[in-house]
Protein backbone atom coordinates (compact mmCIF):
# COMPACT_ATOMS: atom_id res chain seq x y z
CA MET A 1 46.68 -40.63 30.80
CA LEU A 2 47.47 -40.26 27.11
CA ILE A 3 43.79 -39.81 26.27
CA ARG A 4 43.45 -37.13 28.94
CA THR A 5 46.47 -35.22 27.59
CA LEU A 6 45.23 -35.59 24.02
CA GLY A 7 41.79 -34.35 25.02
CA SER A 8 43.24 -31.33 26.85
CA THR A 9 45.47 -30.48 23.89
CA LEU A 10 42.56 -30.77 21.46
CA LEU A 11 40.44 -28.49 23.68
CA VAL A 12 43.18 -25.83 23.90
CA VAL A 13 43.79 -25.90 20.12
CA THR A 14 40.06 -25.61 19.42
CA LEU A 15 39.66 -22.66 21.77
CA GLN A 16 42.70 -20.91 20.31
CA SER A 17 41.43 -21.34 16.76
CA VAL A 18 38.13 -19.75 17.71
CA ALA A 19 39.90 -16.83 19.34
CA VAL A 20 42.22 -16.31 16.34
CA PHE A 21 39.49 -15.71 13.74
CA PRO A 22 37.95 -12.25 13.80
CA THR A 23 34.22 -11.96 13.99
CA VAL A 24 32.86 -11.44 10.48
CA ALA A 25 29.25 -10.74 11.43
CA GLU A 26 28.66 -7.16 12.45
CA THR A 27 25.47 -5.33 13.22
CA PRO A 28 23.87 -4.68 9.82
CA PRO A 29 21.76 -1.58 9.28
CA ALA A 30 18.10 -2.20 9.99
CA GLN A 31 16.18 -2.94 6.84
CA THR A 32 12.86 -4.14 8.16
CA TYR A 33 10.62 -1.97 5.98
CA GLN A 34 9.35 -3.81 2.93
CA PRO A 35 7.00 -1.84 0.65
CA GLY A 36 3.72 -3.44 -0.27
CA PHE A 37 -0.03 -3.39 0.10
CA TRP A 38 0.27 -4.61 3.69
CA GLN A 39 1.87 -1.32 4.75
CA PRO A 40 -0.47 1.44 5.98
CA VAL A 41 -0.68 4.49 3.72
CA ALA A 42 -0.92 6.79 6.76
CA ARG A 43 -1.24 6.75 10.54
CA PHE A 44 -3.37 8.72 12.99
CA ASN A 45 -3.28 8.86 16.80
CA PRO A 46 -5.60 6.06 18.03
CA LYS A 47 -5.68 7.57 21.53
CA GLN A 48 -7.60 10.60 20.24
CA LYS A 49 -10.86 11.01 18.37
CA VAL A 50 -10.21 10.73 14.63
CA THR A 51 -12.01 12.66 11.88
CA LEU A 52 -12.14 11.62 8.22
CA LYS A 53 -12.40 14.20 5.44
CA LEU A 54 -13.31 12.98 1.94
CA VAL A 55 -12.33 15.23 -0.99
CA ASN A 56 -13.85 14.35 -4.38
CA GLN A 57 -11.57 15.36 -7.25
CA SER A 58 -12.61 12.47 -9.50
CA GLY A 59 -14.85 14.45 -11.83
CA VAL A 60 -17.88 12.23 -11.08
CA VAL A 61 -20.45 12.14 -8.28
CA LEU A 62 -19.55 9.50 -5.70
CA ASN A 63 -21.45 7.53 -3.08
CA TYR A 64 -19.89 6.54 0.24
CA ASP A 65 -21.03 4.60 3.26
CA ASN A 66 -19.62 3.32 6.53
CA THR A 67 -19.94 -0.46 6.40
CA ASP A 68 -19.93 -0.68 10.20
CA SER A 69 -23.22 1.16 10.63
CA GLU A 70 -26.45 -0.78 10.27
CA PHE A 71 -29.14 0.20 7.79
CA SER A 72 -27.50 3.38 6.61
CA ASP A 73 -28.13 4.74 3.14
CA PRO A 74 -25.18 5.73 0.96
CA LYS A 75 -24.44 9.44 0.93
CA ASP A 76 -23.59 11.50 -2.15
CA LEU A 77 -20.29 13.31 -2.54
CA GLY A 78 -20.60 15.79 -5.39
CA ILE A 79 -17.90 16.77 -7.87
CA ASP A 80 -15.25 18.97 -6.19
CA LYS A 81 -17.10 18.66 -2.86
CA THR A 82 -15.83 17.58 0.57
CA ASP A 83 -17.48 15.88 3.49
CA THR A 84 -16.17 15.51 7.02
CA LEU A 85 -17.09 12.44 9.05
CA SER A 86 -16.69 11.85 12.77
CA ASP A 87 -18.24 9.94 15.68
CA PHE A 88 -17.51 6.51 14.17
CA GLY A 89 -14.87 5.48 16.72
CA ASN A 90 -11.28 4.70 15.79
CA SER A 91 -12.09 1.79 13.51
CA ALA A 92 -14.22 1.86 10.37
CA TYR A 93 -14.51 0.79 6.75
CA PHE A 94 -15.80 3.37 4.27
CA MET A 95 -16.83 2.17 0.81
CA ILE A 96 -16.51 4.81 -1.94
CA TYR A 97 -17.75 4.27 -5.49
CA PRO A 98 -19.22 6.14 -8.48
CA ALA A 99 -22.88 7.09 -8.01
CA THR A 100 -23.71 6.35 -11.66
CA VAL A 101 -23.00 3.45 -13.97
CA ILE A 102 -19.60 3.75 -15.65
CA ASP A 103 -19.52 3.76 -19.45
CA PRO A 104 -17.92 0.42 -20.42
CA ASP A 105 -16.24 2.13 -23.40
CA GLN A 106 -14.52 4.62 -21.07
CA PRO A 107 -13.79 2.71 -17.85
CA PHE A 108 -11.88 4.24 -14.96
CA ASN A 109 -10.91 3.40 -11.43
CA LEU A 110 -10.76 5.54 -8.35
CA LYS A 111 -7.45 6.35 -6.70
CA PHE A 112 -7.11 7.51 -3.11
CA SER A 113 -4.36 9.47 -1.41
CA ALA A 114 -4.11 10.26 2.30
CA LYS A 115 -2.72 13.07 4.39
CA VAL A 116 -2.89 13.32 8.17
CA ASP A 117 -3.11 16.57 10.10
CA GLU A 118 -1.54 15.35 13.35
CA ALA A 119 -2.52 18.43 15.36
CA ASN A 120 -6.24 17.78 14.73
CA ASN A 121 -6.05 14.00 14.14
CA LEU A 122 -7.71 14.61 10.78
CA VAL A 123 -7.27 12.07 7.98
CA THR A 124 -7.90 13.68 4.58
CA VAL A 125 -8.55 11.25 1.73
CA THR A 126 -8.48 12.78 -1.74
CA ILE A 127 -10.25 10.77 -4.44
CA THR A 128 -9.16 11.10 -8.08
CA LYS A 129 -9.37 8.99 -11.23
CA GLY A 130 -6.60 6.44 -11.46
CA ASP A 131 -4.26 6.09 -14.43
CA ARG A 132 -4.80 3.31 -16.96
CA GLY A 133 -3.58 0.03 -15.56
CA PHE A 134 -4.19 1.11 -11.94
CA MET A 135 -6.41 -1.50 -10.27
CA GLY A 136 -8.30 1.09 -8.23
CA ASN A 137 -9.40 1.70 -4.65
CA ARG A 138 -12.87 1.27 -3.19
CA THR A 139 -12.41 1.16 0.58
CA VAL A 140 -10.81 3.35 3.24
CA ASN A 141 -10.03 1.31 6.36
CA LEU A 142 -9.23 3.12 9.60
CA GLN A 143 -7.95 0.63 12.15
CA LYS A 144 -7.96 0.88 15.94
CA THR A 145 -4.13 0.75 15.85
CA GLY A 146 -4.11 4.10 13.97
CA ALA A 147 -3.26 2.56 10.61
CA VAL A 148 -4.99 3.72 7.42
CA TYR A 149 -5.33 1.25 4.55
CA PHE A 150 -6.83 1.46 1.06
CA TYR A 151 -8.37 -1.55 -0.66
């Protein structure tokens, strides 16, 4: 009988002590975004046909090619020229690189930036020379999820 009373008393005291303390944990603001190379640089609508527009502002002639197509020759993209690509589906890798050998005494890397025209599902990639210390981009990756990545 004493053990039963002691057990009941202990249970009541434990429950009261839990009820007395206010809850410290509250809903924190969502902070799920973490910047990094794993984040897409842009997004397009994967449920619609996507078009890619390349804009060469690098000051050198570039070559580009879709790595998903078999036996295709690289295409030239002249200085201050643009090219619009379509009919490649909603997933593709486009390699972009200088058409000529780079002078080892004056090296440079390419830098891409993206803008999406949502009304036309048009992804515009502008290619410039990167600043010193910038590792450079060589590939535009359009994924079937609508994500755009640069590598």
